[in-house]
């Protein structure tokens, strides 16, 4: 079978994580975790490397760092997700860990979907050649003890170039869409 000409399927390790070369919606594949705990959208041009960028411990923990970089379009998006089975009892400690990881000490907005509670926030970080825009949250299943920390960062590779066009409102919507696309599987 011929593989799609996308970065995700041309990269051997990334391809091993994805279930099908068929896009579940335009521009996205489905990532179904080997933990059996969740699934989420995976951008067609996002890739990851093996350990330490991918870690899994049985069915209770999984961390993935992946990125989508386009030098011609002058953008760099990075993603970090951490799945755990700590549940609502550890929500406060999970938010503290997330806050510490992104150096954010503000309030979180709570968004409720049919099956999840999402605690999300955002921040900007000026860097040497650009500004990084962080959109992050903790997604908690309403049906079981599963949760997922989700961090999405977008920035221009070089802000001084004319084609540095980050629409922060659009990126915030995209980040929330990613978080809302997470589906937790019910305990068997």
Protein backbone atom coordinates (compact mmCIF):
# COMPACT_ATOMS: atom_id res chain seq x y z
CA UNK A 1 0.00 0.00 0.00
CA UNK A 2 1.29 3.44 -0.90
CA UNK A 3 1.63 5.75 2.08
CA UNK A 4 0.29 9.32 2.02
CA UNK A 5 2.84 11.99 1.22
CA UNK A 6 2.49 13.64 4.62
CA UNK A 7 5.20 14.14 7.21
CA UNK A 8 3.32 11.97 9.72
CA UNK A 9 3.25 8.93 7.41
CA UNK A 10 6.67 9.46 5.88
CA UNK A 11 8.23 9.34 9.35
CA UNK A 12 8.64 5.71 10.44
CA UNK A 13 8.21 6.19 14.19
CA UNK A 14 5.23 8.54 13.87
CA UNK A 15 3.59 6.17 11.39
CA UNK A 16 3.89 3.34 13.93
CA UNK A 17 1.68 5.34 16.33
CA UNK A 18 -1.13 6.07 13.88
CA UNK A 19 -3.88 3.58 13.14
CA UNK A 20 -4.69 4.35 9.55
CA UNK A 21 -3.34 6.40 6.64
CA UNK A 22 -6.89 7.59 6.06
CA UNK A 23 -7.59 11.10 7.35
CA UNK A 24 -10.51 11.19 9.81
CA UNK A 25 -11.07 14.79 8.82
CA UNK A 26 -9.19 17.00 6.43
CA UNK A 27 -5.62 17.47 7.63
CA UNK A 28 -5.86 15.03 10.55
CA UNK A 29 -5.27 11.39 11.33
CA UNK A 30 -6.59 9.56 14.37
CA UNK A 31 -4.17 8.67 17.14
CA UNK A 32 -5.54 5.86 19.32
CA UNK A 33 -3.37 5.36 22.35
CA UNK A 34 -1.88 1.94 23.06
CA UNK A 35 -2.91 2.53 26.67
CA UNK A 36 -6.47 1.95 25.48
CA UNK A 37 -7.45 5.08 27.37
CA UNK A 38 -7.99 7.78 24.76
CA UNK A 39 -7.80 8.96 21.18
CA UNK A 40 -7.12 12.38 19.65
CA UNK A 41 -6.54 14.17 16.36
CA UNK A 42 -3.01 14.15 14.95
CA UNK A 43 -2.07 16.85 12.39
CA UNK A 44 -0.98 15.29 9.08
CA UNK A 45 2.39 17.06 9.11
CA UNK A 46 3.21 16.53 12.80
CA UNK A 47 5.95 14.08 13.75
CA UNK A 48 7.53 12.70 16.89
CA UNK A 49 10.71 10.89 17.67
CA UNK A 50 11.10 7.84 19.87
CA UNK A 51 12.09 8.03 23.53
CA UNK A 52 12.36 10.39 25.37
CA UNK A 53 9.76 12.18 23.19
CA UNK A 54 7.45 9.20 23.48
CA UNK A 55 7.03 7.38 26.81
CA UNK A 56 4.45 4.89 27.98
CA UNK A 57 4.03 2.87 31.15
CA UNK A 58 1.42 0.16 30.78
CA UNK A 59 -2.11 1.44 30.48
CA UNK A 60 -1.88 4.24 33.06
CA UNK A 61 0.67 6.72 31.65
CA UNK A 62 1.71 8.06 28.24
CA UNK A 63 3.61 11.21 27.27
CA UNK A 64 4.07 12.36 23.68
CA UNK A 65 5.91 15.41 22.40
CA UNK A 66 5.36 16.10 18.72
CA UNK A 67 5.82 19.04 16.39
CA UNK A 68 4.78 20.52 13.07
CA UNK A 69 7.36 22.81 11.46
CA UNK A 70 7.19 24.58 8.11
CA UNK A 71 10.17 26.78 7.27
CA UNK A 72 8.63 28.08 4.03
CA UNK A 73 5.51 29.23 5.88
CA UNK A 74 7.67 30.35 8.86
CA UNK A 75 5.86 28.56 11.67
CA UNK A 76 6.65 26.03 14.34
CA UNK A 77 3.90 24.31 16.31
CA UNK A 78 4.69 21.97 19.15
CA UNK A 79 2.43 19.69 21.15
CA UNK A 80 2.87 17.86 24.41
CA UNK A 81 0.29 15.48 25.84
CA UNK A 82 0.46 13.49 29.06
CA UNK A 83 -2.19 10.86 29.78
CA UNK A 84 -2.76 9.54 33.29
CA UNK A 85 -5.34 7.70 35.32
CA UNK A 86 -5.28 9.86 38.45
CA UNK A 87 -8.78 11.25 38.00
CA UNK A 88 -10.61 14.12 39.62
CA UNK A 89 -9.13 13.52 43.07
CA UNK A 90 -5.77 14.77 41.83
CA UNK A 91 -7.08 17.64 39.66
CA UNK A 92 -5.51 20.35 41.79
CA UNK A 93 -2.09 18.68 41.78
CA UNK A 94 -2.32 18.03 38.01
CA UNK A 95 -3.10 21.73 37.40
CA UNK A 96 -0.18 22.71 39.66
CA UNK A 97 2.15 20.44 37.66
CA UNK A 98 0.84 21.90 34.39
CA UNK A 99 1.22 25.48 35.69
CA UNK A 100 4.75 24.80 36.85
CA UNK A 101 5.65 23.20 33.51
CA UNK A 102 4.62 26.29 31.52
CA UNK A 103 5.43 28.89 34.22
CA UNK A 104 1.82 30.04 34.47
CA UNK A 105 0.29 31.06 37.76
CA UNK A 106 -3.08 32.46 36.78
CA UNK A 107 -6.61 31.13 36.76
CA UNK A 108 -7.96 28.42 34.49
CA UNK A 109 -11.18 28.69 32.52
CA UNK A 110 -13.46 25.67 32.86
CA UNK A 111 -15.19 24.40 29.72
CA UNK A 112 -17.65 21.54 29.90
CA UNK A 113 -18.44 19.16 27.07
CA UNK A 114 -20.75 16.14 27.13
CA UNK A 115 -18.04 13.82 28.41
CA UNK A 116 -15.17 16.02 29.62
CA UNK A 117 -14.22 18.98 31.76
CA UNK A 118 -11.45 21.12 30.27
CA UNK A 119 -9.44 23.50 32.42
CA UNK A 120 -7.56 25.78 30.03
CA UNK A 121 -5.45 28.92 29.92
CA UNK A 122 -3.01 30.76 27.66
CA UNK A 123 0.10 32.89 27.84
CA UNK A 124 2.66 34.65 25.64
CA UNK A 125 6.40 34.28 26.00
CA UNK A 126 8.75 36.70 24.19
CA UNK A 127 11.81 34.87 22.83
CA UNK A 128 14.94 36.03 21.00
CA UNK A 129 13.55 35.73 17.44
CA UNK A 130 9.82 35.49 18.02
CA UNK A 131 6.98 35.27 20.53
CA UNK A 132 5.68 31.87 21.61
CA UNK A 133 1.94 31.56 22.23
CA UNK A 134 1.03 28.84 24.72
CA UNK A 135 -2.45 27.30 24.89
CA UNK A 136 -2.75 24.57 27.48
CA UNK A 137 -5.19 22.67 29.56
CA UNK A 138 -6.05 19.62 31.56
CA UNK A 139 -8.85 17.49 30.16
CA UNK A 140 -10.71 15.35 32.66
CA UNK A 141 -13.09 12.53 31.76
CA UNK A 142 -16.51 12.70 33.40
CA UNK A 143 -16.93 8.94 33.03
CA UNK A 144 -13.77 7.52 34.63
CA UNK A 145 -10.46 8.42 36.28
CA UNK A 146 -8.66 9.43 33.09
CA UNK A 147 -7.11 12.79 32.31
CA UNK A 148 -4.87 14.36 29.69
CA UNK A 149 -2.57 17.34 30.00
CA UNK A 150 -2.44 19.11 26.61
CA UNK A 151 0.03 21.87 25.69
CA UNK A 152 0.01 23.54 22.27
CA UNK A 153 2.64 26.17 21.44
CA UNK A 154 2.80 28.13 18.21
CA UNK A 155 5.34 30.67 17.04
CA UNK A 156 7.01 32.06 13.96
CA UNK A 157 10.43 30.59 13.34
CA UNK A 158 11.68 34.14 12.70
CA UNK A 159 9.38 37.09 13.51
CA UNK A 160 11.51 39.48 11.44
CA UNK A 161 10.44 37.76 8.22
CA UNK A 162 7.45 39.23 6.43
CA UNK A 163 5.45 36.03 6.47
CA UNK A 164 5.13 35.88 10.25
CA UNK A 165 1.35 35.74 10.50
CA UNK A 166 0.08 34.23 13.72
CA UNK A 167 -3.57 34.97 14.36
CA UNK A 168 -3.76 34.44 18.13
CA UNK A 169 -7.57 34.18 18.16
CA UNK A 170 -7.48 31.52 15.45
CA UNK A 171 -4.70 29.62 17.25
CA UNK A 172 -6.66 29.71 20.51
CA UNK A 173 -9.68 28.24 18.69
CA UNK A 174 -7.45 25.58 17.14
CA UNK A 175 -5.98 24.65 20.54
CA UNK A 176 -9.44 24.36 22.08
CA UNK A 177 -10.56 22.25 19.13
CA UNK A 178 -7.62 19.90 19.73
CA UNK A 179 -8.52 19.61 23.40
CA UNK A 180 -12.20 19.03 22.66
CA UNK A 181 -11.27 16.32 20.13
CA UNK A 182 -9.82 14.11 22.88
CA UNK A 183 -12.06 11.12 23.48
CA UNK A 184 -11.58 8.99 26.57
CA UNK A 185 -12.51 5.35 26.31
CA UNK A 186 -14.78 3.96 28.98
CA UNK A 187 -13.34 1.42 31.35
CA UNK A 188 -14.12 -2.09 30.19
